[in-house]
């Protein structure tokens, strides 16, 4: 029997690969995938023009429960912002940072549905 977590991890990895390819085709330079700061993780970190783009990738096999982008709630946003702050400090970056969400639905046998939301959320104090 295949573990549910293994299936979710595989789907998530596939979604991140789709998102990275999508961004690269649009001219983004992928700097890091699955960058960790303690227990916090940034799915994708890219550079577009002079902006660092932190991308949260949400992948689902259907829209049955909720759209993938709807699962990036305030608590998750806070963790992403904290990790992004650590990333900027670690690499001594002095540029704008933008937070995007890429929502992907992968249905068996169909091309992935991709929704890219730029400036999906902003850091809050």
PDB file of N, CA and C in Angstrom:
ATOM      1  N   UNK A   1       0.842  -1.188   0.000  1.00  0.00           N
ATOM      2  CA  UNK A   1       0.000   0.000   0.000  1.00  0.00           C
ATOM      3  C   UNK A   1       0.886   1.250   0.000  1.00  0.00           C
ATOM      4  N   UNK A   2       0.571   2.194  -0.846  1.00  0.00           N
ATOM      5  CA  UNK A   2       1.349   3.428  -0.951  1.00  0.00           C
ATOM      6  C   UNK A   2       0.860   4.420   0.098  1.00  0.00           C
ATOM      7  N   UNK A   3       1.802   5.009   0.809  1.00  0.00           N
ATOM      8  CA  UNK A   3       1.468   6.003   1.826  1.00  0.00           C
ATOM      9  C   UNK A   3       0.867   7.251   1.191  1.00  0.00           C
ATOM     10  N   UNK A   4      -0.135   7.831   1.840  1.00  0.00           N
ATOM     11  CA  UNK A   4      -0.755   9.060   1.345  1.00  0.00           C
ATOM     12  C   UNK A   4       0.275  10.194   1.279  1.00  0.00           C
ATOM     13  N   UNK A   5       1.148  10.299   2.295  1.00  0.00           N
ATOM     14  CA  UNK A   5       2.164  11.343   2.304  1.00  0.00           C
ATOM     15  C   UNK A   5       3.106  11.218   1.115  1.00  0.00           C
ATOM     16  N   UNK A   6       3.419   9.985   0.729  1.00  0.00           N
ATOM     17  CA  UNK A   6       4.295   9.752  -0.420  1.00  0.00           C
ATOM     18  C   UNK A   6       3.631  10.233  -1.709  1.00  0.00           C
ATOM     19  N   UNK A   7       2.345   9.963  -1.844  1.00  0.00           N
ATOM     20  CA  UNK A   7       1.590  10.406  -3.022  1.00  0.00           C
ATOM     21  C   UNK A   7       1.540  11.932  -3.052  1.00  0.00           C
ATOM     22  N   UNK A   8       1.253  12.561  -1.897  1.00  0.00           N
ATOM     23  CA  UNK A   8       1.205  14.028  -1.830  1.00  0.00           C
ATOM     24  C   UNK A   8       2.563  14.641  -2.126  1.00  0.00           C
ATOM     25  N   UNK A   9       3.627  14.027  -1.605  1.00  0.00           N
ATOM     26  CA  UNK A   9       4.983  14.533  -1.848  1.00  0.00           C
ATOM     27  C   UNK A   9       5.312  14.447  -3.341  1.00  0.00           C
ATOM     28  N   UNK A  10       4.982  13.317  -3.968  1.00  0.00           N
ATOM     29  CA  UNK A  10       5.241  13.147  -5.404  1.00  0.00           C
ATOM     30  C   UNK A  10       4.472  14.174  -6.221  1.00  0.00           C
ATOM     31  N   UNK A  11       3.214  14.407  -5.870  1.00  0.00           N
ATOM     32  CA  UNK A  11       2.388  15.387  -6.577  1.00  0.00           C
ATOM     33  C   UNK A  11       2.971  16.782  -6.384  1.00  0.00           C
ATOM     34  N   UNK A  12       3.381  17.094  -5.157  1.00  0.00           N
ATOM     35  CA  UNK A  12       3.983  18.390  -4.870  1.00  0.00           C
ATOM     36  C   UNK A  12       5.272  18.599  -5.644  1.00  0.00           C
ATOM     37  N   UNK A  13       6.116  17.570  -5.702  1.00  0.00           N
ATOM     38  CA  UNK A  13       7.371  17.656  -6.445  1.00  0.00           C
ATOM     39  C   UNK A  13       7.109  17.861  -7.936  1.00  0.00           C
ATOM     40  N   UNK A  14       6.125  17.156  -8.447  1.00  0.00           N
ATOM     41  CA  UNK A  14       5.777  17.304  -9.858  1.00  0.00           C
ATOM     42  C   UNK A  14       5.263  18.728 -10.128  1.00  0.00           C
ATOM     43  N   UNK A  15       4.445  19.240  -9.218  1.00  0.00           N
ATOM     44  CA  UNK A  15       3.925  20.600  -9.364  1.00  0.00           C
ATOM     45  C   UNK A  15       5.035  21.633  -9.329  1.00  0.00           C
ATOM     46  N   UNK A  16       6.004  21.446  -8.429  1.00  0.00           N
ATOM     47  CA  UNK A  16       7.128  22.383  -8.356  1.00  0.00           C
ATOM     48  C   UNK A  16       7.952  22.348  -9.634  1.00  0.00           C
ATOM     49  N   UNK A  17       8.104  21.169 -10.215  1.00  0.00           N
ATOM     50  CA  UNK A  17       8.829  21.038 -11.487  1.00  0.00           C
ATOM     51  C   UNK A  17       8.078  21.769 -12.602  1.00  0.00           C
ATOM     52  N   UNK A  18       6.765  21.588 -12.660  1.00  0.00           N
ATOM     53  CA  UNK A  18       5.933  22.281 -13.657  1.00  0.00           C
ATOM     54  C   UNK A  18       6.055  23.798 -13.472  1.00  0.00           C
ATOM     55  N   UNK A  19       5.988  24.253 -12.217  1.00  0.00           N
ATOM     56  CA  UNK A  19       6.072  25.691 -11.924  1.00  0.00           C
ATOM     57  C   UNK A  19       7.430  26.255 -12.315  1.00  0.00           C
ATOM     58  N   UNK A  20       8.512  25.541 -11.993  1.00  0.00           N
ATOM     59  CA  UNK A  20       9.861  26.006 -12.338  1.00  0.00           C
ATOM     60  C   UNK A  20      10.022  26.117 -13.860  1.00  0.00           C
ATOM     61  N   UNK A  21       9.531  25.137 -14.581  1.00  0.00           N
ATOM     62  CA  UNK A  21       9.609  25.171 -16.047  1.00  0.00           C
ATOM     63  C   UNK A  21       8.778  26.319 -16.617  1.00  0.00           C
ATOM     64  N   UNK A  22       7.601  26.528 -16.053  1.00  0.00           N
ATOM     65  CA  UNK A  22       6.717  27.614 -16.468  1.00  0.00           C
ATOM     66  C   UNK A  22       7.414  28.970 -16.280  1.00  0.00           C
ATOM     67  N   UNK A  23       8.004  29.169 -15.095  1.00  0.00           N
ATOM     68  CA  UNK A  23       8.686  30.434 -14.815  1.00  0.00           C
ATOM     69  C   UNK A  23       9.900  30.623 -15.725  1.00  0.00           C
ATOM     70  N   UNK A  24      10.684  29.579 -15.893  1.00  0.00           N
ATOM     71  CA  UNK A  24      11.874  29.667 -16.746  1.00  0.00           C
ATOM     72  C   UNK A  24      11.479  30.052 -18.174  1.00  0.00           C
ATOM     73  N   UNK A  25      10.386  29.495 -18.663  1.00  0.00           N
ATOM     74  CA  UNK A  25       9.912  29.816 -20.020  1.00  0.00           C
ATOM     75  C   UNK A  25       9.470  31.279 -20.125  1.00  0.00           C
ATOM     76  N   UNK A  26       9.105  31.895 -18.990  1.00  0.00           N
ATOM     77  CA  UNK A  26       8.691  33.297 -18.972  1.00  0.00           C
ATOM     78  C   UNK A  26       9.862  34.248 -18.678  1.00  0.00           C
ATOM     79  N   UNK A  27      11.062  33.709 -18.608  1.00  0.00           N
ATOM     80  CA  UNK A  27      12.228  34.553 -18.405  1.00  0.00           C
ATOM     81  C   UNK A  27      12.717  34.698 -16.976  1.00  0.00           C
ATOM     82  N   UNK A  28      12.147  33.950 -16.051  1.00  0.00           N
ATOM     83  CA  UNK A  28      12.611  33.966 -14.664  1.00  0.00           C
ATOM     84  C   UNK A  28      13.853  33.078 -14.547  1.00  0.00           C
ATOM     85  N   UNK A  29      14.785  33.473 -13.686  1.00  0.00           N
ATOM     86  CA  UNK A  29      15.947  32.639 -13.406  1.00  0.00           C
ATOM     87  C   UNK A  29      15.701  31.972 -12.053  1.00  0.00           C
ATOM     88  N   UNK A  30      15.632  30.662 -12.045  1.00  0.00           N
ATOM     89  CA  UNK A  30      15.395  29.926 -10.805  1.00  0.00           C
ATOM     90  C   UNK A  30      16.698  29.911 -10.008  1.00  0.00           C
ATOM     91  N   UNK A  31      16.672  30.471  -8.802  1.00  0.00           N
ATOM     92  CA  UNK A  31      17.853  30.529  -7.949  1.00  0.00           C
ATOM     93  C   UNK A  31      17.918  29.342  -6.996  1.00  0.00           C
ATOM     94  N   UNK A  32      16.787  28.992  -6.400  1.00  0.00           N
ATOM     95  CA  UNK A  32      16.739  27.873  -5.458  1.00  0.00           C
ATOM     96  C   UNK A  32      15.378  27.177  -5.522  1.00  0.00           C
ATOM     97  N   UNK A  33      15.420  25.883  -5.245  1.00  0.00           N
ATOM     98  CA  UNK A  33      14.204  25.091  -5.063  1.00  0.00           C
ATOM     99  C   UNK A  33      14.258  24.499  -3.665  1.00  0.00           C
ATOM    100  N   UNK A  34      13.151  24.540  -2.983  1.00  0.00           N
ATOM    101  CA  UNK A  34      13.042  23.953  -1.634  1.00  0.00           C
ATOM    102  C   UNK A  34      14.148  24.456  -0.705  1.00  0.00           C
ATOM    103  N   UNK A  35      14.274  25.780  -0.631  1.00  0.00           N
ATOM    104  CA  UNK A  35      15.272  26.401   0.243  1.00  0.00           C
ATOM    105  C   UNK A  35      14.750  26.377   1.675  1.00  0.00           C
ATOM    106  N   UNK A  36      15.581  25.908   2.600  1.00  0.00           N
ATOM    107  CA  UNK A  36      15.150  25.740   3.993  1.00  0.00           C
ATOM    108  C   UNK A  36      15.817  26.736   4.925  1.00  0.00           C
ATOM    109  N   UNK A  37      15.031  27.194   5.873  1.00  0.00           N
ATOM    110  CA  UNK A  37      15.505  27.998   6.988  1.00  0.00           C
ATOM    111  C   UNK A  37      14.859  27.388   8.217  1.00  0.00           C
ATOM    112  N   UNK A  38      15.603  26.573   8.923  1.00  0.00           N
ATOM    113  CA  UNK A  38      15.017  25.815  10.028  1.00  0.00           C
ATOM    114  C   UNK A  38      13.941  24.891   9.474  1.00  0.00           C
ATOM    115  N   UNK A  39      12.742  24.991  10.027  1.00  0.00           N
ATOM    116  CA  UNK A  39      11.631  24.165   9.545  1.00  0.00           C
ATOM    117  C   UNK A  39      10.823  24.872   8.460  1.00  0.00           C
ATOM    118  N   UNK A  40      11.206  26.086   8.127  1.00  0.00           N
ATOM    119  CA  UNK A  40      10.485  26.853   7.105  1.00  0.00           C
ATOM    120  C   UNK A  40      11.101  26.570   5.744  1.00  0.00           C
ATOM    121  N   UNK A  41      10.256  26.603   4.713  1.00  0.00           N
ATOM    122  CA  UNK A  41      10.729  26.281   3.367  1.00  0.00           C
ATOM    123  C   UNK A  41      10.161  27.260   2.347  1.00  0.00           C
ATOM    124  N   UNK A  42      11.011  27.628   1.396  1.00  0.00           N
ATOM    125  CA  UNK A  42      10.579  28.390   0.228  1.00  0.00           C
ATOM    126  C   UNK A  42      10.587  27.418  -0.949  1.00  0.00           C
ATOM    127  N   UNK A  43       9.420  27.229  -1.585  1.00  0.00           N
ATOM    128  CA  UNK A  43       9.331  26.262  -2.685  1.00  0.00           C
ATOM    129  C   UNK A  43      10.266  26.648  -3.830  1.00  0.00           C
ATOM    130  N   UNK A  44      10.108  27.874  -4.326  1.00  0.00           N
ATOM    131  CA  UNK A  44      10.953  28.369  -5.409  1.00  0.00           C
ATOM    132  C   UNK A  44      11.380  29.793  -5.098  1.00  0.00           C
ATOM    133  N   UNK A  45      12.628  30.087  -5.378  1.00  0.00           N
ATOM    134  CA  UNK A  45      13.119  31.458  -5.317  1.00  0.00           C
ATOM    135  C   UNK A  45      13.677  31.750  -6.702  1.00  0.00           C
ATOM    136  N   UNK A  46      13.173  32.822  -7.307  1.00  0.00           N
ATOM    137  CA  UNK A  46      13.580  33.165  -8.664  1.00  0.00           C
ATOM    138  C   UNK A  46      13.961  34.636  -8.733  1.00  0.00           C
ATOM    139  N   UNK A  47      14.624  34.979  -9.808  1.00  0.00           N
ATOM    140  CA  UNK A  47      14.928  36.382 -10.061  1.00  0.00           C
ATOM    141  C   UNK A  47      14.275  36.759 -11.376  1.00  0.00           C
ATOM    142  N   UNK A  48      13.586  37.884 -11.353  1.00  0.00           N
ATOM    143  CA  UNK A  48      12.938  38.390 -12.562  1.00  0.00           C
ATOM    144  C   UNK A  48      13.248  39.876 -12.634  1.00  0.00           C
ATOM    145  N   UNK A  49      13.972  40.275 -13.656  1.00  0.00           N
ATOM    146  CA  UNK A  49      14.508  41.630 -13.749  1.00  0.00           C
ATOM    147  C   UNK A  49      15.340  41.874 -12.493  1.00  0.00           C
ATOM    148  N   UNK A  50      15.033  42.887 -11.709  1.00  0.00           N
ATOM    149  CA  UNK A  50      15.810  43.159 -10.492  1.00  0.00           C
ATOM    150  C   UNK A  50      15.047  42.788  -9.234  1.00  0.00           C
ATOM    151  N   UNK A  51      14.101  41.873  -9.362  1.00  0.00           N
ATOM    152  CA  UNK A  51      13.246  41.493  -8.237  1.00  0.00           C
ATOM    153  C   UNK A  51      13.453  40.028  -7.876  1.00  0.00           C
ATOM    154  N   UNK A  52      13.567  39.766  -6.576  1.00  0.00           N
ATOM    155  CA  UNK A  52      13.565  38.382  -6.086  1.00  0.00           C
ATOM    156  C   UNK A  52      12.095  37.989  -5.944  1.00  0.00           C
ATOM    157  N   UNK A  53      11.738  36.879  -6.532  1.00  0.00           N
ATOM    158  CA  UNK A  53      10.356  36.401  -6.485  1.00  0.00           C
ATOM    159  C   UNK A  53      10.321  35.096  -5.692  1.00  0.00           C
ATOM    160  N   UNK A  54       9.620  35.142  -4.569  1.00  0.00           N
ATOM    161  CA  UNK A  54       9.432  33.959  -3.734  1.00  0.00           C
ATOM    162  C   UNK A  54       8.097  33.352  -4.141  1.00  0.00           C
ATOM    163  N   UNK A  55       8.145  32.096  -4.566  1.00  0.00           N
ATOM    164  CA  UNK A  55       6.955  31.461  -5.125  1.00  0.00           C
ATOM    165  C   UNK A  55       6.519  30.279  -4.266  1.00  0.00           C
ATOM    166  N   UNK A  56       5.301  30.349  -3.785  1.00  0.00           N
ATOM    167  CA  UNK A  56       4.674  29.220  -3.089  1.00  0.00           C
ATOM    168  C   UNK A  56       3.898  28.444  -4.138  1.00  0.00           C
ATOM    169  N   UNK A  57       4.216  27.170  -4.270  1.00  0.00           N
ATOM    170  CA  UNK A  57       3.570  26.328  -5.272  1.00  0.00           C
ATOM    171  C   UNK A  57       2.559  25.432  -4.565  1.00  0.00           C
ATOM    172  N   UNK A  58       1.325  25.467  -5.017  1.00  0.00           N
ATOM    173  CA  UNK A  58       0.277  24.612  -4.465  1.00  0.00           C
ATOM    174  C   UNK A  58      -0.261  23.735  -5.577  1.00  0.00           C
ATOM    175  N   UNK A  59      -0.186  22.437  -5.360  1.00  0.00           N
ATOM    176  CA  UNK A  59      -0.579  21.479  -6.388  1.00  0.00           C
ATOM    177  C   UNK A  59      -1.670  20.564  -5.853  1.00  0.00           C
ATOM    178  N   UNK A  60      -2.647  20.316  -6.676  1.00  0.00           N
ATOM    179  CA  UNK A  60      -3.740  19.409  -6.337  1.00  0.00           C
ATOM    180  C   UNK A  60      -4.028  18.512  -7.537  1.00  0.00           C
ATOM    181  N   UNK A  61      -4.710  17.417  -7.279  1.00  0.00           N
ATOM    182  CA  UNK A  61      -5.116  16.532  -8.368  1.00  0.00           C
ATOM    183  C   UNK A  61      -6.541  16.834  -8.821  1.00  0.00           C
ATOM    184  N   UNK A  62      -7.232  17.689  -8.044  1.00  0.00           N
ATOM    185  CA  UNK A  62      -8.579  18.130  -8.435  1.00  0.00           C
ATOM    186  C   UNK A  62      -8.917  19.374  -7.630  1.00  0.00           C
ATOM    187  N   UNK A  63      -9.994  20.024  -8.006  1.00  0.00           N
ATOM    188  CA  UNK A  63     -10.456  21.197  -7.255  1.00  0.00           C
ATOM    189  C   UNK A  63     -11.580  20.822  -6.296  1.00  0.00           C
ATOM    190  N   UNK A  64     -11.672  19.525  -5.971  1.00  0.00           N
ATOM    191  CA  UNK A  64     -12.793  19.034  -5.185  1.00  0.00           C
ATOM    192  C   UNK A  64     -12.915  19.751  -3.839  1.00  0.00           C
ATOM    193  N   UNK A  65     -11.818  19.885  -3.092  1.00  0.00           N
ATOM    194  CA  UNK A  65     -11.904  20.480  -1.760  1.00  0.00           C
ATOM    195  C   UNK A  65     -11.780  21.993  -1.795  1.00  0.00           C
ATOM    196  N   UNK A  66     -10.732  22.480  -2.406  1.00  0.00           N
ATOM    197  CA  UNK A  66     -10.513  23.919  -2.493  1.00  0.00           C
ATOM    198  C   UNK A  66      -9.482  24.166  -3.579  1.00  0.00           C
ATOM    199  N   UNK A  67      -9.479  25.372  -4.091  1.00  0.00           N
ATOM    200  CA  UNK A  67      -8.444  25.726  -5.049  1.00  0.00           C
ATOM    201  C   UNK A  67      -7.110  25.751  -4.311  1.00  0.00           C
ATOM    202  N   UNK A  68      -6.048  25.307  -4.957  1.00  0.00           N
ATOM    203  CA  UNK A  68      -4.755  25.259  -4.271  1.00  0.00           C
ATOM    204  C   UNK A  68      -4.342  26.591  -3.651  1.00  0.00           C
ATOM    205  N   UNK A  69      -4.584  27.693  -4.346  1.00  0.00           N
ATOM    206  CA  UNK A  69      -4.154  29.009  -3.840  1.00  0.00           C
ATOM    207  C   UNK A  69      -4.860  29.378  -2.533  1.00  0.00           C
ATOM    208  N   UNK A  70      -6.045  28.822  -2.296  1.00  0.00           N
ATOM    209  CA  UNK A  70      -6.808  29.144  -1.088  1.00  0.00           C
ATOM    210  C   UNK A  70      -6.180  28.556   0.177  1.00  0.00           C
ATOM    211  N   UNK A  71      -5.243  27.624   0.001  1.00  0.00           N
ATOM    212  CA  UNK A  71      -4.627  26.997   1.166  1.00  0.00           C
ATOM    213  C   UNK A  71      -3.438  27.802   1.703  1.00  0.00           C
ATOM    214  N   UNK A  72      -3.094  28.915   1.052  1.00  0.00           N
ATOM    215  CA  UNK A  72      -1.990  29.759   1.532  1.00  0.00           C
ATOM    216  C   UNK A  72      -2.603  30.841   2.419  1.00  0.00           C
ATOM    217  N   UNK A  73      -2.866  30.447   3.648  1.00  0.00           N
ATOM    218  CA  UNK A  73      -3.511  31.353   4.601  1.00  0.00           C
ATOM    219  C   UNK A  73      -2.468  32.191   5.342  1.00  0.00           C
ATOM    220  N   UNK A  74      -2.941  33.082   6.216  1.00  0.00           N
ATOM    221  CA  UNK A  74      -2.062  34.030   6.930  1.00  0.00           C
ATOM    222  C   UNK A  74      -0.883  33.355   7.638  1.00  0.00           C
ATOM    223  N   UNK A  75      -1.146  32.257   8.333  1.00  0.00           N
ATOM    224  CA  UNK A  75      -0.079  31.579   9.067  1.00  0.00           C
ATOM    225  C   UNK A  75       1.014  31.122   8.104  1.00  0.00           C
ATOM    226  N   UNK A  76       0.623  30.539   6.980  1.00  0.00           N
ATOM    227  CA  UNK A  76       1.587  30.079   5.976  1.00  0.00           C
ATOM    228  C   UNK A  76       2.323  31.274   5.371  1.00  0.00           C
ATOM    229  N   UNK A  77       1.599  32.358   5.105  1.00  0.00           N
ATOM    230  CA  UNK A  77       2.227  33.562   4.563  1.00  0.00           C
ATOM    231  C   UNK A  77       3.296  34.083   5.516  1.00  0.00           C
ATOM    232  N   UNK A  78       2.996  34.080   6.804  1.00  0.00           N
ATOM    233  CA  UNK A  78       3.945  34.561   7.810  1.00  0.00           C
ATOM    234  C   UNK A  78       5.225  33.720   7.786  1.00  0.00           C
ATOM    235  N   UNK A  79       5.090  32.410   7.689  1.00  0.00           N
ATOM    236  CA  UNK A  79       6.251  31.528   7.628  1.00  0.00           C
ATOM    237  C   UNK A  79       7.083  31.798   6.370  1.00  0.00           C
ATOM    238  N   UNK A  80       6.412  32.013   5.258  1.00  0.00           N
ATOM    239  CA  UNK A  80       7.104  32.294   3.998  1.00  0.00           C
ATOM    240  C   UNK A  80       7.865  33.613   4.094  1.00  0.00           C
ATOM    241  N   UNK A  81       7.222  34.633   4.663  1.00  0.00           N
ATOM    242  CA  UNK A  81       7.862  35.945   4.810  1.00  0.00           C
ATOM    243  C   UNK A  81       9.085  35.840   5.728  1.00  0.00           C
ATOM    244  N   UNK A  82       8.967  35.094   6.819  1.00  0.00           N
ATOM    245  CA  UNK A  82      10.101  34.923   7.734  1.00  0.00           C
ATOM    246  C   UNK A  82      11.270  34.221   7.030  1.00  0.00           C
ATOM    247  N   UNK A  83      10.976  33.184   6.268  1.00  0.00           N
ATOM    248  CA  UNK A  83      12.030  32.474   5.535  1.00  0.00           C
ATOM    249  C   UNK A  83      12.633  33.365   4.454  1.00  0.00           C
ATOM    250  N   UNK A  84      11.801  34.151   3.785  1.00  0.00           N
ATOM    251  CA  UNK A  84      12.296  35.061   2.748  1.00  0.00           C
ATOM    252  C   UNK A  84      13.222  36.112   3.348  1.00  0.00           C
ATOM    253  N   UNK A  85      12.886  36.591   4.537  1.00  0.00           N
ATOM    254  CA  UNK A  85      13.736  37.562   5.221  1.00  0.00           C
ATOM    255  C   UNK A  85      15.106  36.945   5.515  1.00  0.00           C
ATOM    256  N   UNK A  86      15.115  35.709   5.981  1.00  0.00           N
ATOM    257  CA  UNK A  86      16.369  35.006   6.248  1.00  0.00           C
ATOM    258  C   UNK A  86      17.163  34.804   4.953  1.00  0.00           C
ATOM    259  N   UNK A  87      16.456  34.505   3.875  1.00  0.00           N
ATOM    260  CA  UNK A  87      17.099  34.303   2.567  1.00  0.00           C
ATOM    261  C   UNK A  87      17.806  35.585   2.123  1.00  0.00           C
ATOM    262  N   UNK A  88      17.102  36.711   2.205  1.00  0.00           N
ATOM    263  CA  UNK A  88      17.648  38.005   1.796  1.00  0.00           C
ATOM    264  C   UNK A  88      18.876  38.351   2.647  1.00  0.00           C
ATOM    265  N   UNK A  89      18.798  38.078   3.940  1.00  0.00           N
ATOM    266  CA  UNK A  89      19.926  38.360   4.825  1.00  0.00           C
ATOM    267  C   UNK A  89      21.114  37.438   4.538  1.00  0.00           C
ATOM    268  N   UNK A  90      20.825  36.150   4.338  1.00  0.00           N
ATOM    269  CA  UNK A  90      21.905  35.183   4.098  1.00  0.00           C
ATOM    270  C   UNK A  90      22.696  35.526   2.835  1.00  0.00           C
ATOM    271  N   UNK A  91      21.997  35.954   1.800  1.00  0.00           N
ATOM    272  CA  UNK A  91      22.659  36.250   0.533  1.00  0.00           C
ATOM    273  C   UNK A  91      22.950  37.745   0.360  1.00  0.00           C
ATOM    274  N   UNK A  92      22.734  38.511   1.440  1.00  0.00           N
ATOM    275  CA  UNK A  92      23.048  39.945   1.458  1.00  0.00           C
ATOM    276  C   UNK A  92      22.460  40.667   0.233  1.00  0.00           C
ATOM    277  N   UNK A  93      21.181  40.470   0.000  1.00  0.00           N
ATOM    278  CA  UNK A  93      20.510  41.037  -1.171  1.00  0.00           C
ATOM    279  C   UNK A  93      19.929  42.409  -0.853  1.00  0.00           C
ATOM    280  N   UNK A  94      19.998  43.277  -1.816  1.00  0.00           N
ATOM    281  CA  UNK A  94      19.422  44.609  -1.684  1.00  0.00           C
ATOM    282  C   UNK A  94      18.564  44.863  -2.917  1.00  0.00           C
ATOM    283  N   UNK A  95      17.384  44.290  -2.909  1.00  0.00           N
ATOM    284  CA  UNK A  95      16.474  44.444  -4.045  1.00  0.00           C
ATOM    285  C   UNK A  95      15.042  44.187  -3.566  1.00  0.00           C
ATOM    286  N   UNK A  96      14.099  44.459  -4.443  1.00  0.00           N
ATOM    287  CA  UNK A  96      12.699  44.222  -4.110  1.00  0.00           C
ATOM    288  C   UNK A  96      12.436  42.721  -4.021  1.00  0.00           C
ATOM    289  N   UNK A  97      11.495  42.356  -3.152  1.00  0.00           N
ATOM    290  CA  UNK A  97      11.062  40.966  -3.008  1.00  0.00           C
ATOM    291  C   UNK A  97       9.558  40.929  -3.236  1.00  0.00           C
ATOM    292  N   UNK A  98       9.141  39.992  -4.044  1.00  0.00           N
ATOM    293  CA  UNK A  98       7.716  39.833  -4.359  1.00  0.00           C
ATOM    294  C   UNK A  98       7.301  38.414  -3.972  1.00  0.00           C
ATOM    295  N   UNK A  99       6.050  38.271  -3.526  1.00  0.00           N
ATOM    296  CA  UNK A  99       5.523  36.969  -3.118  1.00  0.00           C
ATOM    297  C   UNK A  99       4.414  36.546  -4.084  1.00  0.00           C
ATOM    298  N   UNK A 100       4.661  35.466  -4.798  1.00  0.00           N
ATOM    299  CA  UNK A 100       3.714  34.937  -5.769  1.00  0.00           C
ATOM    300  C   UNK A 100       3.207  33.573  -5.310  1.00  0.00           C
ATOM    301  N   UNK A 101       2.065  33.188  -5.852  1.00  0.00           N
ATOM    302  CA  UNK A 101       1.555  31.824  -5.684  1.00  0.00           C
ATOM    303  C   UNK A 101       1.333  31.261  -7.081  1.00  0.00           C
ATOM    304  N   UNK A 102       1.793  30.050  -7.272  1.00  0.00           N
ATOM    305  CA  UNK A 102       1.452  29.332  -8.495  1.00  0.00           C
ATOM    306  C   UNK A 102       0.598  28.151  -8.076  1.00  0.00           C
ATOM    307  N   UNK A 103      -0.598  28.141  -8.608  1.00  0.00           N
ATOM    308  CA  UNK A 103      -1.589  27.115  -8.326  1.00  0.00           C
ATOM    309  C   UNK A 103      -1.623  26.161  -9.523  1.00  0.00           C
ATOM    310  N   UNK A 104      -1.445  24.873  -9.249  1.00  0.00           N
ATOM    311  CA  UNK A 104      -1.405  23.883 -10.319  1.00  0.00           C
ATOM    312  C   UNK A 104      -2.384  22.764 -10.007  1.00  0.00           C
ATOM    313  N   UNK A 105      -3.171  22.412 -11.009  1.00  0.00           N
ATOM    314  CA  UNK A 105      -4.050  21.248 -10.893  1.00  0.00           C
ATOM    315  C   UNK A 105      -3.592  20.244 -11.942  1.00  0.00           C
ATOM    316  N   UNK A 106      -3.195  19.074 -11.465  1.00  0.00           N
ATOM    317  CA  UNK A 106      -2.725  18.016 -12.355  1.00  0.00           C
ATOM    318  C   UNK A 106      -3.764  16.904 -12.358  1.00  0.00           C
ATOM    319  N   UNK A 107      -4.474  16.783 -13.461  1.00  0.00           N
ATOM    320  CA  UNK A 107      -5.435  15.696 -13.647  1.00  0.00           C
ATOM    321  C   UNK A 107      -4.817  14.671 -14.576  1.00  0.00           C
ATOM    322  N   UNK A 108      -4.988  13.418 -14.257  1.00  0.00           N
ATOM    323  CA  UNK A 108      -4.431  12.322 -15.045  1.00  0.00           C
ATOM    324  C   UNK A 108      -4.763  12.490 -16.528  1.00  0.00           C
ATOM    325  N   UNK A 109      -3.729  12.485 -17.373  1.00  0.00           N
ATOM    326  CA  UNK A 109      -3.940  12.497 -18.814  1.00  0.00           C
ATOM    327  C   UNK A 109      -4.224  13.857 -19.423  1.00  0.00           C
ATOM    328  N   UNK A 110      -4.325  14.905 -18.613  1.00  0.00           N
ATOM    329  CA  UNK A 110      -4.593  16.252 -19.131  1.00  0.00           C
ATOM    330  C   UNK A 110      -3.389  17.141 -18.860  1.00  0.00           C
ATOM    331  N   UNK A 111      -3.197  18.181 -19.684  1.00  0.00           N
ATOM    332  CA  UNK A 111      -2.111  19.114 -19.364  1.00  0.00           C
ATOM    333  C   UNK A 111      -2.399  19.818 -18.043  1.00  0.00           C
ATOM    334  N   UNK A 112      -1.360  20.161 -17.287  1.00  0.00           N
ATOM    335  CA  UNK A 112      -1.576  20.843 -16.008  1.00  0.00           C
ATOM    336  C   UNK A 112      -2.258  22.195 -16.208  1.00  0.00           C
ATOM    337  N   UNK A 113      -3.145  22.530 -15.280  1.00  0.00           N
ATOM    338  CA  UNK A 113      -3.756  23.867 -15.269  1.00  0.00           C
ATOM    339  C   UNK A 113      -2.897  24.720 -14.353  1.00  0.00           C
ATOM    340  N   UNK A 114      -2.398  25.849 -14.875  1.00  0.00           N
ATOM    341  CA  UNK A 114      -1.491  26.704 -14.116  1.00  0.00           C
ATOM    342  C   UNK A 114      -2.113  28.081 -13.953  1.00  0.00           C
ATOM    343  N   UNK A 115      -2.127  28.559 -12.717  1.00  0.00           N
ATOM    344  CA  UNK A 115      -2.558  29.930 -12.431  1.00  0.00           C
ATOM    345  C   UNK A 115      -1.433  30.605 -11.646  1.00  0.00           C
ATOM    346  N   UNK A 116      -0.879  31.666 -12.225  1.00  0.00           N
ATOM    347  CA  UNK A 116       0.223  32.394 -11.592  1.00  0.00           C
ATOM    348  C   UNK A 116      -0.334  33.702 -11.045  1.00  0.00           C
ATOM    349  N   UNK A 117      -0.249  33.861  -9.729  1.00  0.00           N
ATOM    350  CA  UNK A 117      -0.751  35.068  -9.082  1.00  0.00           C
ATOM    351  C   UNK A 117       0.458  35.871  -8.593  1.00  0.00           C
ATOM    352  N   UNK A 118       0.744  36.965  -9.301  1.00  0.00           N
ATOM    353  CA  UNK A 118       1.845  37.824  -8.904  1.00  0.00           C
ATOM    354  C   UNK A 118       1.388  38.714  -7.751  1.00  0.00           C
ATOM    355  N   UNK A 119       2.318  39.055  -6.866  1.00  0.00           N
ATOM    356  CA  UNK A 119       1.984  39.864  -5.689  1.00  0.00           C
ATOM    357  C   UNK A 119       0.778  39.289  -4.962  1.00  0.00           C
ATOM    358  N   UNK A 120       0.811  38.005  -4.721  1.00  0.00           N
ATOM    359  CA  UNK A 120      -0.322  37.303  -4.108  1.00  0.00           C
ATOM    360  C   UNK A 120      -0.582  37.772  -2.679  1.00  0.00           C
ATOM    361  N   UNK A 121       0.487  38.154  -2.003  1.00  0.00           N
ATOM    362  CA  UNK A 121       0.335  38.701  -0.655  1.00  0.00           C
ATOM    363  C   UNK A 121       1.548  39.571  -0.357  1.00  0.00           C
ATOM    364  N   UNK A 122       1.409  40.356   0.681  1.00  0.00           N
ATOM    365  CA  UNK A 122       2.468  41.293   1.079  1.00  0.00           C
ATOM    366  C   UNK A 122       2.879  41.010   2.506  1.00  0.00           C
ATOM    367  N   UNK A 123       4.142  41.263   2.835  1.00  0.00           N
ATOM    368  CA  UNK A 123       4.558  41.079   4.232  1.00  0.00           C
ATOM    369  C   UNK A 123       3.779  42.031   5.139  1.00  0.00           C
ATOM    370  N   UNK A 124       3.361  41.541   6.271  1.00  0.00           N
ATOM    371  CA  UNK A 124       2.650  42.395   7.232  1.00  0.00           C
ATOM    372  C   UNK A 124       3.509  42.557   8.468  1.00  0.00           C
ATOM    373  N   UNK A 125       3.299  43.635   9.182  1.00  0.00           N
ATOM    374  CA  UNK A 125       4.103  43.903  10.370  1.00  0.00           C
ATOM    375  C   UNK A 125       3.632  43.087  11.552  1.00  0.00           C
TER     376      UNK A 125
END
